[in-house]
């Protein structure tokens, strides 16, 4: 049996979506924070922080999904050995 160590190839659709969404939101939050800081727009900085937090939450969700899938696969392998 060939085991792929690449999380992208072996990841679920939810994992892939959460990773892409998390990276995009973090990038957008950084851009908004830079724009808000250079224009001294406090409401834009606040929005940037919310977007950054949402991106970090999405990335955390992807990590939890990856662990869930890994635990499920490990349990399936152990059931197959018995």
PDB file of N, CA and C in Angstrom:
ATOM      1  N   UNK A   1       0.843  -1.178   0.000  1.00  0.00           N
ATOM      2  CA  UNK A   1       0.000   0.000   0.000  1.00  0.00           C
ATOM      3  C   UNK A   1       0.890   1.244   0.000  1.00  0.00           C
ATOM      4  N   UNK A   2       0.610   2.157  -0.884  1.00  0.00           N
ATOM      5  CA  UNK A   2       1.365   3.401  -0.978  1.00  0.00           C
ATOM      6  C   UNK A   2       0.670   4.457  -0.125  1.00  0.00           C
ATOM      7  N   UNK A   3       1.416   5.052   0.773  1.00  0.00           N
ATOM      8  CA  UNK A   3       0.868   6.079   1.659  1.00  0.00           C
ATOM      9  C   UNK A   3       1.389   7.435   1.195  1.00  0.00           C
ATOM     10  N   UNK A   4       0.455   8.328   0.906  1.00  0.00           N
ATOM     11  CA  UNK A   4       0.828   9.681   0.515  1.00  0.00           C
ATOM     12  C   UNK A   4       0.987  10.540   1.758  1.00  0.00           C
ATOM     13  N   UNK A   5       2.147  11.128   1.908  1.00  0.00           N
ATOM     14  CA  UNK A   5       2.385  11.986   3.064  1.00  0.00           C
ATOM     15  C   UNK A   5       1.996  13.425   2.783  1.00  0.00           C
ATOM     16  N   UNK A   6       1.600  13.695   1.566  1.00  0.00           N
ATOM     17  CA  UNK A   6       1.180  15.034   1.177  1.00  0.00           C
ATOM     18  C   UNK A   6      -0.231  15.298   1.709  1.00  0.00           C
ATOM     19  N   UNK A   7      -0.407  16.263   2.603  1.00  0.00           N
ATOM     20  CA  UNK A   7      -1.740  16.491   3.161  1.00  0.00           C
ATOM     21  C   UNK A   7      -2.744  16.990   2.125  1.00  0.00           C
ATOM     22  N   UNK A   8      -2.261  17.633   1.076  1.00  0.00           N
ATOM     23  CA  UNK A   8      -3.190  18.148   0.074  1.00  0.00           C
ATOM     24  C   UNK A   8      -3.808  17.009  -0.726  1.00  0.00           C
ATOM     25  N   UNK A   9      -3.006  16.043  -1.120  1.00  0.00           N
ATOM     26  CA  UNK A   9      -3.510  14.918  -1.920  1.00  0.00           C
ATOM     27  C   UNK A   9      -4.430  14.021  -1.104  1.00  0.00           C
ATOM     28  N   UNK A  10      -4.087  13.823   0.143  1.00  0.00           N
ATOM     29  CA  UNK A  10      -4.883  12.928   0.973  1.00  0.00           C
ATOM     30  C   UNK A  10      -5.949  13.627   1.790  1.00  0.00           C
ATOM     31  N   UNK A  11      -6.045  14.943   1.671  1.00  0.00           N
ATOM     32  CA  UNK A  11      -6.987  15.699   2.487  1.00  0.00           C
ATOM     33  C   UNK A  11      -8.406  15.684   1.930  1.00  0.00           C
ATOM     34  N   UNK A  12      -9.355  15.926   2.802  1.00  0.00           N
ATOM     35  CA  UNK A  12     -10.752  15.982   2.395  1.00  0.00           C
ATOM     36  C   UNK A  12     -11.052  17.318   1.720  1.00  0.00           C
ATOM     37  N   UNK A  13     -12.238  17.396   1.141  1.00  0.00           N
ATOM     38  CA  UNK A  13     -12.647  18.643   0.492  1.00  0.00           C
ATOM     39  C   UNK A  13     -12.762  19.776   1.504  1.00  0.00           C
ATOM     40  N   UNK A  14     -13.259  19.461   2.692  1.00  0.00           N
ATOM     41  CA  UNK A  14     -13.368  20.469   3.747  1.00  0.00           C
ATOM     42  C   UNK A  14     -11.987  20.987   4.127  1.00  0.00           C
ATOM     43  N   UNK A  15     -11.013  20.093   4.227  1.00  0.00           N
ATOM     44  CA  UNK A  15      -9.649  20.494   4.557  1.00  0.00           C
ATOM     45  C   UNK A  15      -9.113  21.456   3.502  1.00  0.00           C
ATOM     46  N   UNK A  16      -9.254  21.090   2.252  1.00  0.00           N
ATOM     47  CA  UNK A  16      -8.739  21.937   1.173  1.00  0.00           C
ATOM     48  C   UNK A  16      -9.418  23.298   1.157  1.00  0.00           C
ATOM     49  N   UNK A  17     -10.749  23.302   1.318  1.00  0.00           N
ATOM     50  CA  UNK A  17     -11.488  24.562   1.327  1.00  0.00           C
ATOM     51  C   UNK A  17     -11.045  25.436   2.498  1.00  0.00           C
ATOM     52  N   UNK A  18     -10.915  24.844   3.678  1.00  0.00           N
ATOM     53  CA  UNK A  18     -10.542  25.618   4.864  1.00  0.00           C
ATOM     54  C   UNK A  18      -9.128  26.179   4.748  1.00  0.00           C
ATOM     55  N   UNK A  19      -8.214  25.412   4.150  1.00  0.00           N
ATOM     56  CA  UNK A  19      -6.843  25.899   3.978  1.00  0.00           C
ATOM     57  C   UNK A  19      -6.832  27.098   3.029  1.00  0.00           C
ATOM     58  N   UNK A  20      -7.487  26.958   1.886  1.00  0.00           N
ATOM     59  CA  UNK A  20      -7.509  28.053   0.904  1.00  0.00           C
ATOM     60  C   UNK A  20      -8.219  29.274   1.473  1.00  0.00           C
ATOM     61  N   UNK A  21      -9.372  29.063   2.111  1.00  0.00           N
ATOM     62  CA  UNK A  21     -10.117  30.184   2.688  1.00  0.00           C
ATOM     63  C   UNK A  21      -9.309  30.865   3.785  1.00  0.00           C
ATOM     64  N   UNK A  22      -8.663  30.080   4.624  1.00  0.00           N
ATOM     65  CA  UNK A  22      -7.848  30.652   5.694  1.00  0.00           C
ATOM     66  C   UNK A  22      -6.699  31.489   5.156  1.00  0.00           C
ATOM     67  N   UNK A  23      -5.995  30.961   4.165  1.00  0.00           N
ATOM     68  CA  UNK A  23      -4.872  31.717   3.590  1.00  0.00           C
ATOM     69  C   UNK A  23      -5.358  32.994   2.915  1.00  0.00           C
ATOM     70  N   UNK A  24      -6.468  32.902   2.194  1.00  0.00           N
ATOM     71  CA  UNK A  24      -6.996  34.078   1.500  1.00  0.00           C
ATOM     72  C   UNK A  24      -7.443  35.146   2.499  1.00  0.00           C
ATOM     73  N   UNK A  25      -8.104  34.730   3.572  1.00  0.00           N
ATOM     74  CA  UNK A  25      -8.573  35.695   4.569  1.00  0.00           C
ATOM     75  C   UNK A  25      -7.417  36.332   5.330  1.00  0.00           C
ATOM     76  N   UNK A  26      -6.397  35.557   5.643  1.00  0.00           N
ATOM     77  CA  UNK A  26      -5.227  36.119   6.318  1.00  0.00           C
ATOM     78  C   UNK A  26      -4.538  37.123   5.400  1.00  0.00           C
ATOM     79  N   UNK A  27      -4.385  36.788   4.135  1.00  0.00           N
ATOM     80  CA  UNK A  27      -3.780  37.711   3.175  1.00  0.00           C
ATOM     81  C   UNK A  27      -4.598  38.993   3.073  1.00  0.00           C
ATOM     82  N   UNK A  28      -5.916  38.848   2.942  1.00  0.00           N
ATOM     83  CA  UNK A  28      -6.784  40.015   2.848  1.00  0.00           C
ATOM     84  C   UNK A  28      -6.702  40.862   4.113  1.00  0.00           C
ATOM     85  N   UNK A  29      -6.660  40.212   5.266  1.00  0.00           N
ATOM     86  CA  UNK A  29      -6.541  40.937   6.529  1.00  0.00           C
ATOM     87  C   UNK A  29      -5.247  41.715   6.632  1.00  0.00           C
ATOM     88  N   UNK A  30      -4.150  41.127   6.171  1.00  0.00           N
ATOM     89  CA  UNK A  30      -2.867  41.831   6.194  1.00  0.00           C
ATOM     90  C   UNK A  30      -2.902  43.048   5.275  1.00  0.00           C
ATOM     91  N   UNK A  31      -3.451  42.868   4.084  1.00  0.00           N
ATOM     92  CA  UNK A  31      -3.548  43.991   3.136  1.00  0.00           C
ATOM     93  C   UNK A  31      -4.413  45.103   3.717  1.00  0.00           C
ATOM     94  N   UNK A  32      -5.553  44.736   4.296  1.00  0.00           N
ATOM     95  CA  UNK A  32      -6.429  45.743   4.902  1.00  0.00           C
ATOM     96  C   UNK A  32      -5.749  46.448   6.074  1.00  0.00           C
ATOM     97  N   UNK A  33      -5.000  45.694   6.867  1.00  0.00           N
ATOM     98  CA  UNK A  33      -4.298  46.300   8.001  1.00  0.00           C
ATOM     99  C   UNK A  33      -3.243  47.295   7.529  1.00  0.00           C
ATOM    100  N   UNK A  34      -2.524  46.944   6.479  1.00  0.00           N
ATOM    101  CA  UNK A  34      -1.511  47.861   5.947  1.00  0.00           C
ATOM    102  C   UNK A  34      -2.163  49.120   5.390  1.00  0.00           C
ATOM    103  N   UNK A  35      -3.233  48.941   4.647  1.00  0.00           N
ATOM    104  CA  UNK A  35      -3.938  50.107   4.094  1.00  0.00           C
ATOM    105  C   UNK A  35      -4.513  50.965   5.218  1.00  0.00           C
ATOM    106  N   UNK A  36      -5.128  50.301   6.207  1.00  0.00           N
ATOM    107  CA  UNK A  36      -5.694  51.040   7.331  1.00  0.00           C
ATOM    108  C   UNK A  36      -4.646  51.785   8.134  1.00  0.00           C
ATOM    109  N   UNK A  37      -3.472  51.181   8.293  1.00  0.00           N
ATOM    110  CA  UNK A  37      -2.403  51.833   9.056  1.00  0.00           C
ATOM    111  C   UNK A  37      -1.816  53.019   8.293  1.00  0.00           C
ATOM    112  N   UNK A  38      -1.660  52.874   6.993  1.00  0.00           N
ATOM    113  CA  UNK A  38      -1.075  53.977   6.221  1.00  0.00           C
ATOM    114  C   UNK A  38      -2.043  55.139   6.061  1.00  0.00           C
ATOM    115  N   UNK A  39      -3.345  54.849   6.050  1.00  0.00           N
ATOM    116  CA  UNK A  39      -4.337  55.929   5.932  1.00  0.00           C
ATOM    117  C   UNK A  39      -4.858  56.376   7.294  1.00  0.00           C
ATOM    118  N   UNK A  40      -4.401  55.729   8.363  1.00  0.00           N
ATOM    119  CA  UNK A  40      -4.847  56.002   9.728  1.00  0.00           C
ATOM    120  C   UNK A  40      -6.364  55.910   9.864  1.00  0.00           C
ATOM    121  N   UNK A  41      -6.918  54.866   9.252  1.00  0.00           N
ATOM    122  CA  UNK A  41      -8.357  54.604   9.278  1.00  0.00           C
ATOM    123  C   UNK A  41      -8.608  53.497  10.303  1.00  0.00           C
ATOM    124  N   UNK A  42      -9.083  53.873  11.488  1.00  0.00           N
ATOM    125  CA  UNK A  42      -9.240  52.901  12.569  1.00  0.00           C
ATOM    126  C   UNK A  42     -10.335  51.874  12.277  1.00  0.00           C
ATOM    127  N   UNK A  43     -11.381  52.254  11.558  1.00  0.00           N
ATOM    128  CA  UNK A  43     -12.427  51.278  11.245  1.00  0.00           C
ATOM    129  C   UNK A  43     -11.916  50.226  10.263  1.00  0.00           C
ATOM    130  N   UNK A  44     -11.033  50.621   9.360  1.00  0.00           N
ATOM    131  CA  UNK A  44     -10.442  49.656   8.429  1.00  0.00           C
ATOM    132  C   UNK A  44      -9.488  48.716   9.172  1.00  0.00           C
ATOM    133  N   UNK A  45      -8.780  49.231  10.147  1.00  0.00           N
ATOM    134  CA  UNK A  45      -7.892  48.388  10.951  1.00  0.00           C
ATOM    135  C   UNK A  45      -8.718  47.386  11.758  1.00  0.00           C
ATOM    136  N   UNK A  46      -9.828  47.822  12.310  1.00  0.00           N
ATOM    137  CA  UNK A  46     -10.705  46.919  13.057  1.00  0.00           C
ATOM    138  C   UNK A  46     -11.252  45.831  12.143  1.00  0.00           C
ATOM    139  N   UNK A  47     -11.665  46.215  10.945  1.00  0.00           N
ATOM    140  CA  UNK A  47     -12.149  45.235   9.973  1.00  0.00           C
ATOM    141  C   UNK A  47     -11.039  44.249   9.624  1.00  0.00           C
ATOM    142  N   UNK A  48      -9.822  44.753   9.469  1.00  0.00           N
ATOM    143  CA  UNK A  48      -8.679  43.888   9.159  1.00  0.00           C
ATOM    144  C   UNK A  48      -8.451  42.870  10.261  1.00  0.00           C
ATOM    145  N   UNK A  49      -8.586  43.288  11.507  1.00  0.00           N
ATOM    146  CA  UNK A  49      -8.388  42.362  12.621  1.00  0.00           C
ATOM    147  C   UNK A  49      -9.457  41.275  12.641  1.00  0.00           C
ATOM    148  N   UNK A  50     -10.692  41.648  12.323  1.00  0.00           N
ATOM    149  CA  UNK A  50     -11.772  40.655  12.255  1.00  0.00           C
ATOM    150  C   UNK A  50     -11.505  39.662  11.124  1.00  0.00           C
ATOM    151  N   UNK A  51     -11.078  40.172   9.970  1.00  0.00           N
ATOM    152  CA  UNK A  51     -10.782  39.299   8.832  1.00  0.00           C
ATOM    153  C   UNK A  51      -9.597  38.384   9.161  1.00  0.00           C
ATOM    154  N   UNK A  52      -8.567  38.928   9.807  1.00  0.00           N
ATOM    155  CA  UNK A  52      -7.423  38.106  10.222  1.00  0.00           C
ATOM    156  C   UNK A  52      -7.853  37.005  11.199  1.00  0.00           C
ATOM    157  N   UNK A  53      -8.679  37.365  12.155  1.00  0.00           N
ATOM    158  CA  UNK A  53      -9.165  36.376  13.117  1.00  0.00           C
ATOM    159  C   UNK A  53      -9.979  35.277  12.455  1.00  0.00           C
ATOM    160  N   UNK A  54     -10.791  35.657  11.478  1.00  0.00           N
ATOM    161  CA  UNK A  54     -11.579  34.672  10.746  1.00  0.00           C
ATOM    162  C   UNK A  54     -10.669  33.752   9.935  1.00  0.00           C
ATOM    163  N   UNK A  55      -9.622  34.314   9.349  1.00  0.00           N
ATOM    164  CA  UNK A  55      -8.667  33.500   8.605  1.00  0.00           C
ATOM    165  C   UNK A  55      -7.933  32.520   9.492  1.00  0.00           C
ATOM    166  N   UNK A  56      -7.551  32.967  10.676  1.00  0.00           N
ATOM    167  CA  UNK A  56      -6.871  32.073  11.615  1.00  0.00           C
ATOM    168  C   UNK A  56      -7.826  30.978  12.085  1.00  0.00           C
ATOM    169  N   UNK A  57      -9.088  31.331  12.301  1.00  0.00           N
ATOM    170  CA  UNK A  57     -10.077  30.322  12.696  1.00  0.00           C
ATOM    171  C   UNK A  57     -10.281  29.294  11.580  1.00  0.00           C
ATOM    172  N   UNK A  58     -10.333  29.743  10.333  1.00  0.00           N
ATOM    173  CA  UNK A  58     -10.484  28.818   9.211  1.00  0.00           C
ATOM    174  C   UNK A  58      -9.272  27.900   9.101  1.00  0.00           C
ATOM    175  N   UNK A  59      -8.093  28.455   9.316  1.00  0.00           N
ATOM    176  CA  UNK A  59      -6.888  27.627   9.271  1.00  0.00           C
ATOM    177  C   UNK A  59      -6.894  26.607  10.409  1.00  0.00           C
ATOM    178  N   UNK A  60      -7.333  27.023  11.583  1.00  0.00           N
ATOM    179  CA  UNK A  60      -7.437  26.091  12.711  1.00  0.00           C
ATOM    180  C   UNK A  60      -8.436  24.983  12.405  1.00  0.00           C
ATOM    181  N   UNK A  61      -9.530  25.327  11.754  1.00  0.00           N
ATOM    182  CA  UNK A  61     -10.512  24.328  11.346  1.00  0.00           C
ATOM    183  C   UNK A  61      -9.872  23.314  10.402  1.00  0.00           C
ATOM    184  N   UNK A  62      -9.023  23.791   9.486  1.00  0.00           N
ATOM    185  CA  UNK A  62      -8.370  22.859   8.564  1.00  0.00           C
ATOM    186  C   UNK A  62      -7.449  21.901   9.315  1.00  0.00           C
ATOM    187  N   UNK A  63      -6.760  22.395  10.330  1.00  0.00           N
ATOM    188  CA  UNK A  63      -5.896  21.520  11.119  1.00  0.00           C
ATOM    189  C   UNK A  63      -6.708  20.476  11.881  1.00  0.00           C
ATOM    190  N   UNK A  64      -7.829  20.898  12.454  1.00  0.00           N
ATOM    191  CA  UNK A  64      -8.689  19.954  13.168  1.00  0.00           C
ATOM    192  C   UNK A  64      -9.273  18.912  12.214  1.00  0.00           C
ATOM    193  N   UNK A  65      -9.635  19.330  11.021  1.00  0.00           N
ATOM    194  CA  UNK A  65     -10.163  18.393  10.023  1.00  0.00           C
ATOM    195  C   UNK A  65      -9.092  17.389   9.625  1.00  0.00           C
ATOM    196  N   UNK A  66      -7.871  17.847   9.490  1.00  0.00           N
ATOM    197  CA  UNK A  66      -6.760  16.956   9.130  1.00  0.00           C
ATOM    198  C   UNK A  66      -6.538  15.910  10.226  1.00  0.00           C
ATOM    199  N   UNK A  67      -6.611  16.318  11.476  1.00  0.00           N
ATOM    200  CA  UNK A  67      -6.467  15.380  12.586  1.00  0.00           C
ATOM    201  C   UNK A  67      -7.613  14.381  12.581  1.00  0.00           C
ATOM    202  N   UNK A  68      -8.838  14.858  12.349  1.00  0.00           N
ATOM    203  CA  UNK A  68     -10.004  13.978  12.329  1.00  0.00           C
ATOM    204  C   UNK A  68      -9.868  12.901  11.258  1.00  0.00           C
ATOM    205  N   UNK A  69      -9.458  13.306  10.075  1.00  0.00           N
ATOM    206  CA  UNK A  69      -9.285  12.346   8.988  1.00  0.00           C
ATOM    207  C   UNK A  69      -8.163  11.363   9.317  1.00  0.00           C
ATOM    208  N   UNK A  70      -7.076  11.859   9.897  1.00  0.00           N
ATOM    209  CA  UNK A  70      -5.978  10.977  10.267  1.00  0.00           C
ATOM    210  C   UNK A  70      -6.375   9.946  11.302  1.00  0.00           C
ATOM    211  N   UNK A  71      -7.124  10.374  12.305  1.00  0.00           N
ATOM    212  CA  UNK A  71      -7.586   9.434  13.332  1.00  0.00           C
ATOM    213  C   UNK A  71      -8.539   8.399  12.744  1.00  0.00           C
ATOM    214  N   UNK A  72      -9.391   8.835  11.835  1.00  0.00           N
ATOM    215  CA  UNK A  72     -10.328   7.895  11.197  1.00  0.00           C
ATOM    216  C   UNK A  72      -9.568   6.856  10.373  1.00  0.00           C
ATOM    217  N   UNK A  73      -8.558   7.297   9.624  1.00  0.00           N
ATOM    218  CA  UNK A  73      -7.777   6.360   8.810  1.00  0.00           C
ATOM    219  C   UNK A  73      -6.984   5.394   9.688  1.00  0.00           C
ATOM    220  N   UNK A  74      -6.465   5.894  10.787  1.00  0.00           N
ATOM    221  CA  UNK A  74      -5.719   5.023  11.705  1.00  0.00           C
ATOM    222  C   UNK A  74      -6.630   3.962  12.305  1.00  0.00           C
ATOM    223  N   UNK A  75      -7.857   4.355  12.666  1.00  0.00           N
ATOM    224  CA  UNK A  75      -8.810   3.399  13.218  1.00  0.00           C
ATOM    225  C   UNK A  75      -9.193   2.358  12.178  1.00  0.00           C
ATOM    226  N   UNK A  76      -9.343   2.773  10.918  1.00  0.00           N
ATOM    227  CA  UNK A  76      -9.663   1.826   9.857  1.00  0.00           C
ATOM    228  C   UNK A  76      -8.530   0.827   9.646  1.00  0.00           C
ATOM    229  N   UNK A  77      -7.289   1.296   9.719  1.00  0.00           N
ATOM    230  CA  UNK A  77      -6.146   0.404   9.566  1.00  0.00           C
ATOM    231  C   UNK A  77      -6.072  -0.599  10.712  1.00  0.00           C
ATOM    232  N   UNK A  78      -6.350  -0.137  11.918  1.00  0.00           N
ATOM    233  CA  UNK A  78      -6.294  -1.032  13.076  1.00  0.00           C
ATOM    234  C   UNK A  78      -7.403  -2.079  13.007  1.00  0.00           C
ATOM    235  N   UNK A  79      -8.586  -1.673  12.502  1.00  0.00           N
ATOM    236  CA  UNK A  79      -9.673  -2.657  12.345  1.00  0.00           C
ATOM    237  C   UNK A  79      -9.317  -3.698  11.301  1.00  0.00           C
ATOM    238  N   UNK A  80      -8.559  -3.294  10.286  1.00  0.00           N
ATOM    239  CA  UNK A  80      -8.164  -4.225   9.230  1.00  0.00           C
ATOM    240  C   UNK A  80      -7.147  -5.240   9.682  1.00  0.00           C
ATOM    241  N   UNK A  81      -6.377  -4.935  10.711  1.00  0.00           N
ATOM    242  CA  UNK A  81      -5.346  -5.851  11.221  1.00  0.00           C
ATOM    243  C   UNK A  81      -5.946  -6.955  12.075  1.00  0.00           C
ATOM    244  N   UNK A  82      -7.094  -6.731  12.647  1.00  0.00           N
ATOM    245  CA  UNK A  82      -7.696  -7.714  13.568  1.00  0.00           C
ATOM    246  C   UNK A  82      -8.337  -8.848  12.824  1.00  0.00           C
TER     247      UNK A  82
END
